[in-house]
Structure formats: structure tokens, C-alpha cells
Amino acid sequence: MDSADSADYFIGVAQQALWVLSLASAPILIPALVAGLILGMIQAATSINEQTLSFVPKLIIVGLALALFGGAIMMLLVDFTRDMFARIPELMR
């Protein structure tokens, strides 16, 4: 593998890693973002500025999202890791 091929290879690995990171974090971050937005609007409308009022529901929603999507996220990360380890012999050529 010459330097141009290895540079393209590592850029491809980095792109794949960023894509896996996005897929793994989205099922957790999107529900937390939506919950924060809704709770913020409710707090603004009712003038209630209690910190625990926004923290506890978001914590519950993130916990539920982890319970629902945790297995899929773990399998995504395991597949990516196996693919990275399978590519190591290719780098040694």
C-alpha cells in the first residue's frame, strides 16, 4: 500500500467512524433534544424555573431511549469494531 492509498484508506475509516458515531448517538440525543425543547416551552409558558423539573424528565427519556435502542447501538459498535480488526491484515501488506 503506497502513501496515497493509505491516506485514502484512513480517510475512509475516519468517515465510517464518524457515520457510526452519528448513528449511535442520534437515538439518544434526538429524544433528549425534543424533550428539552418541549419542557423549555412549558417552563417559559408557566414561568416555572425549577431545574429539576427539566432534568428529571430528560433523564427518564434518555433512560428509556437507552433501554429501547441500547442493543441496536451495541451491535452497531460491535460490527464496526469487528470490521476494523478484520482490516488490520490488509494494512500489513
C-alpha atoms as a PDB file:
ATOM      1  CA  MET A   1       0.000   0.000   0.000  1.00  0.00           C
ATOM      2  CA  ASP A   2       1.604   3.291  -1.021  1.00  0.00           C
ATOM      3  CA  SER A   3       1.106   6.590   0.801  1.00  0.00           C
ATOM      4  CA  ALA A   4      -1.753   7.791  -1.430  1.00  0.00           C
ATOM      5  CA  ASP A   5      -3.667   4.540  -0.940  1.00  0.00           C
ATOM      6  CA  SER A   6      -3.082   4.577   2.799  1.00  0.00           C
ATOM      7  CA  ALA A   7      -4.248   8.193   3.060  1.00  0.00           C
ATOM      8  CA  ASP A   8      -7.466   7.349   1.195  1.00  0.00           C
ATOM      9  CA  TYR A   9      -7.875   4.265   3.347  1.00  0.00           C
ATOM     10  CA  PHE A  10      -7.576   6.161   6.617  1.00  0.00           C
ATOM     11  CA  ILE A  11      -9.878   8.926   5.404  1.00  0.00           C
ATOM     12  CA  GLY A  12     -12.440   6.253   4.560  1.00  0.00           C
ATOM     13  CA  VAL A  13     -12.052   4.700   8.012  1.00  0.00           C
ATOM     14  CA  ALA A  14     -12.472   8.124   9.628  1.00  0.00           C
ATOM     15  CA  GLN A  15     -15.611   8.793   7.574  1.00  0.00           C
ATOM     16  CA  GLN A  16     -17.024   5.420   8.541  1.00  0.00           C
ATOM     17  CA  ALA A  17     -16.205   6.069  12.209  1.00  0.00           C
ATOM     18  CA  LEU A  18     -17.996   9.429  12.126  1.00  0.00           C
ATOM     19  CA  TRP A  19     -21.009   7.825  10.474  1.00  0.00           C
ATOM     20  CA  VAL A  20     -21.150   5.081  13.112  1.00  0.00           C
ATOM     21  CA  LEU A  21     -20.791   7.723  15.830  1.00  0.00           C
ATOM     22  CA  SER A  22     -23.722   9.668  14.365  1.00  0.00           C
ATOM     23  CA  LEU A  23     -25.884   6.558  14.127  1.00  0.00           C
ATOM     24  CA  ALA A  24     -25.001   5.522  17.675  1.00  0.00           C
ATOM     25  CA  SER A  25     -25.663   8.899  19.288  1.00  0.00           C
ATOM     26  CA  ALA A  26     -28.780  10.000  17.383  1.00  0.00           C
ATOM     27  CA  PRO A  27     -31.274   7.682  19.137  1.00  0.00           C
ATOM     28  CA  ILE A  28     -30.194   9.178  22.468  1.00  0.00           C
ATOM     29  CA  LEU A  29     -29.640  12.816  21.543  1.00  0.00           C
ATOM     30  CA  ILE A  30     -32.769  13.419  19.448  1.00  0.00           C
ATOM     31  CA  PRO A  31     -35.303  12.406  22.148  1.00  0.00           C
ATOM     32  CA  ALA A  32     -33.337  14.412  24.741  1.00  0.00           C
ATOM     33  CA  LEU A  33     -33.359  17.435  22.440  1.00  0.00           C
ATOM     34  CA  VAL A  34     -37.099  17.177  21.783  1.00  0.00           C
ATOM     35  CA  ALA A  35     -37.840  16.702  25.490  1.00  0.00           C
ATOM     36  CA  GLY A  36     -35.696  19.709  26.383  1.00  0.00           C
ATOM     37  CA  LEU A  37     -37.435  21.837  23.788  1.00  0.00           C
ATOM     38  CA  ILE A  38     -40.922  20.858  24.968  1.00  0.00           C
ATOM     39  CA  LEU A  39     -40.028  21.277  28.629  1.00  0.00           C
ATOM     40  CA  GLY A  40     -38.428  24.649  27.914  1.00  0.00           C
ATOM     41  CA  MET A  41     -41.579  25.853  26.198  1.00  0.00           C
ATOM     42  CA  ILE A  42     -43.695  24.643  29.122  1.00  0.00           C
ATOM     43  CA  GLN A  43     -41.391  26.362  31.611  1.00  0.00           C
ATOM     44  CA  ALA A  44     -41.474  29.591  29.604  1.00  0.00           C
ATOM     45  CA  ALA A  45     -45.269  29.495  29.382  1.00  0.00           C
ATOM     46  CA  THR A  46     -45.772  28.790  33.092  1.00  0.00           C
ATOM     47  CA  SER A  47     -42.798  30.853  34.403  1.00  0.00           C
ATOM     48  CA  ILE A  48     -41.631  27.871  36.452  1.00  0.00           C
ATOM     49  CA  ASN A  49     -37.842  27.927  36.599  1.00  0.00           C
ATOM     50  CA  GLU A  50     -37.132  24.836  38.657  1.00  0.00           C
ATOM     51  CA  GLN A  51     -34.027  22.985  37.407  1.00  0.00           C
ATOM     52  CA  THR A  52     -35.181  19.541  38.497  1.00  0.00           C
ATOM     53  CA  LEU A  53     -38.391  19.981  36.509  1.00  0.00           C
ATOM     54  CA  SER A  54     -36.401  19.836  33.277  1.00  0.00           C
ATOM     55  CA  PHE A  55     -33.663  17.438  34.411  1.00  0.00           C
ATOM     56  CA  VAL A  56     -35.730  14.510  35.691  1.00  0.00           C
ATOM     57  CA  PRO A  57     -37.977  14.065  32.608  1.00  0.00           C
ATOM     58  CA  LYS A  58     -34.969  14.300  30.275  1.00  0.00           C
ATOM     59  CA  LEU A  59     -33.150  11.732  32.394  1.00  0.00           C
ATOM     60  CA  ILE A  60     -36.143   9.397  32.180  1.00  0.00           C
ATOM     61  CA  ILE A  61     -36.426   9.867  28.409  1.00  0.00           C
ATOM     62  CA  VAL A  62     -32.714   9.188  27.890  1.00  0.00           C
ATOM     63  CA  GLY A  63     -33.016   6.075  30.055  1.00  0.00           C
ATOM     64  CA  LEU A  64     -35.977   4.848  28.011  1.00  0.00           C
ATOM     65  CA  ALA A  65     -34.117   5.562  24.762  1.00  0.00           C
ATOM     66  CA  LEU A  66     -31.134   3.591  26.037  1.00  0.00           C
ATOM     67  CA  ALA A  67     -33.400   0.711  27.020  1.00  0.00           C
ATOM     68  CA  LEU A  68     -35.063   0.716  23.595  1.00  0.00           C
ATOM     69  CA  PHE A  69     -32.059   1.340  21.360  1.00  0.00           C
ATOM     70  CA  GLY A  70     -29.144   0.168  23.514  1.00  0.00           C
ATOM     71  CA  GLY A  71     -28.968  -3.276  21.929  1.00  0.00           C
ATOM     72  CA  ALA A  72     -29.004  -1.878  18.397  1.00  0.00           C
ATOM     73  CA  ILE A  73     -26.345   0.689  19.280  1.00  0.00           C
ATOM     74  CA  MET A  74     -24.172  -2.001  20.840  1.00  0.00           C
ATOM     75  CA  MET A  75     -24.480  -4.250  17.777  1.00  0.00           C
ATOM     76  CA  LEU A  76     -23.581  -1.301  15.525  1.00  0.00           C
ATOM     77  CA  LEU A  77     -20.449  -0.636  17.569  1.00  0.00           C
ATOM     78  CA  VAL A  78     -19.540  -4.336  17.712  1.00  0.00           C
ATOM     79  CA  ASP A  79     -19.884  -4.679  13.928  1.00  0.00           C
ATOM     80  CA  PHE A  80     -17.738  -1.597  13.377  1.00  0.00           C
ATOM     81  CA  THR A  81     -15.070  -2.882  15.779  1.00  0.00           C
ATOM     82  CA  ARG A  82     -15.025  -6.325  14.134  1.00  0.00           C
ATOM     83  CA  ASP A  83     -14.668  -4.660  10.740  1.00  0.00           C
ATOM     84  CA  MET A  84     -11.743  -2.577  11.992  1.00  0.00           C
ATOM     85  CA  PHE A  85      -9.972  -5.644  13.408  1.00  0.00           C
ATOM     86  CA  ALA A  86     -10.634  -7.560  10.185  1.00  0.00           C
ATOM     87  CA  ARG A  87      -8.929  -4.780   8.213  1.00  0.00           C
ATOM     88  CA  ILE A  88      -5.663  -4.986  10.177  1.00  0.00           C
ATOM     89  CA  PRO A  89      -4.095  -7.714   7.983  1.00  0.00           C
ATOM     90  CA  GLU A  90      -4.862  -5.575   4.949  1.00  0.00           C
ATOM     91  CA  LEU A  91      -2.722  -2.791   6.430  1.00  0.00           C
ATOM     92  CA  MET A  92       0.257  -5.110   6.902  1.00  0.00           C
ATOM     93  CA  ARG A  93       0.662  -5.746   3.171  1.00  0.00           C
END
